[in-house]
Every structure is written in C-alpha cells, then in structure tokens.
Amino acid sequence: MDGDEPTDDGRERADVDPDLAMALGLYALGDVSLQEAATEAGVTYWELEDAIESAGLADAFDLDRDVSATIDDLLDEAGE
C-alpha cells in the first residue's frame, strides 16, 4: 500500500517514518523523554518537535510547555 491510497475513512494516508512513529509511541507511553525519542528516531529534539506540530499533535504531546521547563528537563537528563 503506498502513501496515495485512502484510509478506511477516506482520508489520504500520509507517508510515515517507522522509526519516528516508534519513537513517538515510546514517548507517548512515557517510556522515554522527548530527547530520547528524538535520538531513537535519528533526528534532533527540534526536528521531532516540528514533526509533532506538523502532524497536529502538539496539544496531545503538551508541546506548549514553558521553554524553561524543557531546558531544565534536558539539563537533568544530561546530568544523569
């Protein structure tokens, strides 16, 4: 099945990077941080964030968090 075929509900199927999808799934389950998910997918944190926003999932993934909270999380992870 290619990316041009419609889904069961008539929407066009988007091409999905399986590594990115797996990483987002792990993040959604709380198994990894957003930074770890990005590393798993082979992209930067910011590229992963852009992909989430492009897919319209920013609200579901709480990407509107305060930037300082994100920086604090990244610094905590770097110190581990």
C-alpha atoms as a PDB file:
ATOM      1  CA  MET A   1       0.000   0.000   0.000  1.00  0.00           C
ATOM      2  CA  ASP A   2       1.542   3.328  -0.968  1.00  0.00           C
ATOM      3  CA  GLY A   3       1.038   6.780   0.537  1.00  0.00           C
ATOM      4  CA  ASP A   4      -1.537   7.828  -2.077  1.00  0.00           C
ATOM      5  CA  GLU A   5      -4.199   5.273  -1.169  1.00  0.00           C
ATOM      6  CA  PRO A   6      -7.032   6.485   1.065  1.00  0.00           C
ATOM      7  CA  THR A   7      -7.587   5.112   4.547  1.00  0.00           C
ATOM      8  CA  ASP A   8     -10.797   3.324   5.516  1.00  0.00           C
ATOM      9  CA  ASP A   9     -12.383   6.641   6.471  1.00  0.00           C
ATOM     10  CA  GLY A  10     -11.480   8.264   3.125  1.00  0.00           C
ATOM     11  CA  ARG A  11      -8.554  10.367   4.330  1.00  0.00           C
ATOM     12  CA  GLU A  12      -5.326  10.228   2.349  1.00  0.00           C
ATOM     13  CA  ARG A  13      -2.683   8.109   4.043  1.00  0.00           C
ATOM     14  CA  ALA A  14       0.469  10.032   4.927  1.00  0.00           C
ATOM     15  CA  ASP A  15       3.919   8.575   4.459  1.00  0.00           C
ATOM     16  CA  VAL A  16       5.169   7.723   7.928  1.00  0.00           C
ATOM     17  CA  ASP A  17       8.751   7.165   9.009  1.00  0.00           C
ATOM     18  CA  PRO A  18       8.571   3.946  11.065  1.00  0.00           C
ATOM     19  CA  ASP A  19      11.478   4.993  13.316  1.00  0.00           C
ATOM     20  CA  LEU A  20       9.770   8.296  14.030  1.00  0.00           C
ATOM     21  CA  ALA A  21       6.448   6.571  14.685  1.00  0.00           C
ATOM     22  CA  MET A  22       8.082   4.116  17.095  1.00  0.00           C
ATOM     23  CA  ALA A  23       9.883   6.906  18.933  1.00  0.00           C
ATOM     24  CA  LEU A  24       6.673   8.923  19.275  1.00  0.00           C
ATOM     25  CA  GLY A  25       4.892   5.844  20.568  1.00  0.00           C
ATOM     26  CA  LEU A  26       7.546   5.314  23.231  1.00  0.00           C
ATOM     27  CA  TYR A  27       7.313   8.979  24.198  1.00  0.00           C
ATOM     28  CA  ALA A  28       3.511   8.854  24.324  1.00  0.00           C
ATOM     29  CA  LEU A  29       3.703   5.839  26.646  1.00  0.00           C
ATOM     30  CA  GLY A  30       6.124   7.692  28.897  1.00  0.00           C
ATOM     31  CA  ASP A  31       8.896   5.162  28.310  1.00  0.00           C
ATOM     32  CA  VAL A  32      11.348   7.794  27.025  1.00  0.00           C
ATOM     33  CA  SER A  33      11.771  11.555  27.154  1.00  0.00           C
ATOM     34  CA  LEU A  34      11.261  13.674  24.060  1.00  0.00           C
ATOM     35  CA  GLN A  35      15.048  13.956  23.706  1.00  0.00           C
ATOM     36  CA  GLU A  36      15.452  10.180  23.970  1.00  0.00           C
ATOM     37  CA  ALA A  37      12.669   9.701  21.423  1.00  0.00           C
ATOM     38  CA  ALA A  38      14.455  12.052  19.037  1.00  0.00           C
ATOM     39  CA  THR A  39      17.690  10.120  19.466  1.00  0.00           C
ATOM     40  CA  GLU A  40      15.852   6.830  18.830  1.00  0.00           C
ATOM     41  CA  ALA A  41      14.370   8.289  15.633  1.00  0.00           C
ATOM     42  CA  GLY A  42      17.723   9.662  14.465  1.00  0.00           C
ATOM     43  CA  VAL A  43      16.557  13.284  14.487  1.00  0.00           C
ATOM     44  CA  THR A  44      17.194  16.299  16.685  1.00  0.00           C
ATOM     45  CA  TYR A  45      14.883  17.292  19.508  1.00  0.00           C
ATOM     46  CA  TRP A  46      13.719  20.268  17.443  1.00  0.00           C
ATOM     47  CA  GLU A  47      13.077  18.160  14.322  1.00  0.00           C
ATOM     48  CA  LEU A  48      10.950  15.789  16.379  1.00  0.00           C
ATOM     49  CA  GLU A  49       9.056  18.688  17.896  1.00  0.00           C
ATOM     50  CA  ASP A  50       8.451  20.098  14.395  1.00  0.00           C
ATOM     51  CA  ALA A  51       7.193  16.694  13.205  1.00  0.00           C
ATOM     52  CA  ILE A  52       4.765  16.523  16.133  1.00  0.00           C
ATOM     53  CA  GLU A  53       3.487  20.018  15.395  1.00  0.00           C
ATOM     54  CA  SER A  54       3.197  19.294  11.651  1.00  0.00           C
ATOM     55  CA  ALA A  55       1.112  16.218  12.434  1.00  0.00           C
ATOM     56  CA  GLY A  56      -1.236  18.335  14.556  1.00  0.00           C
ATOM     57  CA  LEU A  57      -0.302  16.506  17.753  1.00  0.00           C
ATOM     58  CA  ALA A  58       1.237  19.377  19.729  1.00  0.00           C
ATOM     59  CA  ASP A  59      -1.667  19.522  22.189  1.00  0.00           C
ATOM     60  CA  ALA A  60      -1.643  15.754  22.710  1.00  0.00           C
ATOM     61  CA  PHE A  61       2.082  15.831  23.454  1.00  0.00           C
ATOM     62  CA  ASP A  62       1.912  19.013  25.584  1.00  0.00           C
ATOM     63  CA  LEU A  63       4.430  20.900  23.455  1.00  0.00           C
ATOM     64  CA  ASP A  64       3.195  24.236  24.735  1.00  0.00           C
ATOM     65  CA  ARG A  65       5.158  23.738  27.941  1.00  0.00           C
ATOM     66  CA  ASP A  66       7.259  26.559  29.220  1.00  0.00           C
ATOM     67  CA  VAL A  67      10.649  26.602  27.477  1.00  0.00           C
ATOM     68  CA  SER A  68      12.469  26.872  30.798  1.00  0.00           C
ATOM     69  CA  ALA A  69      10.841  23.610  31.944  1.00  0.00           C
ATOM     70  CA  THR A  70      12.112  21.880  28.811  1.00  0.00           C
ATOM     71  CA  ILE A  71      15.606  23.255  29.358  1.00  0.00           C
ATOM     72  CA  ASP A  72      15.534  22.087  32.984  1.00  0.00           C
ATOM     73  CA  ASP A  73      14.496  18.589  31.870  1.00  0.00           C
ATOM     74  CA  LEU A  74      17.301  18.430  29.311  1.00  0.00           C
ATOM     75  CA  LEU A  75      19.863  19.592  31.853  1.00  0.00           C
ATOM     76  CA  ASP A  76      18.621  16.988  34.337  1.00  0.00           C
ATOM     77  CA  GLU A  77      18.958  14.258  31.702  1.00  0.00           C
ATOM     78  CA  ALA A  78      22.466  15.418  30.806  1.00  0.00           C
ATOM     79  CA  GLY A  79      23.479  15.174  34.462  1.00  0.00           C
ATOM     80  CA  GLU A  80      22.362  11.549  34.791  1.00  0.00           C
END
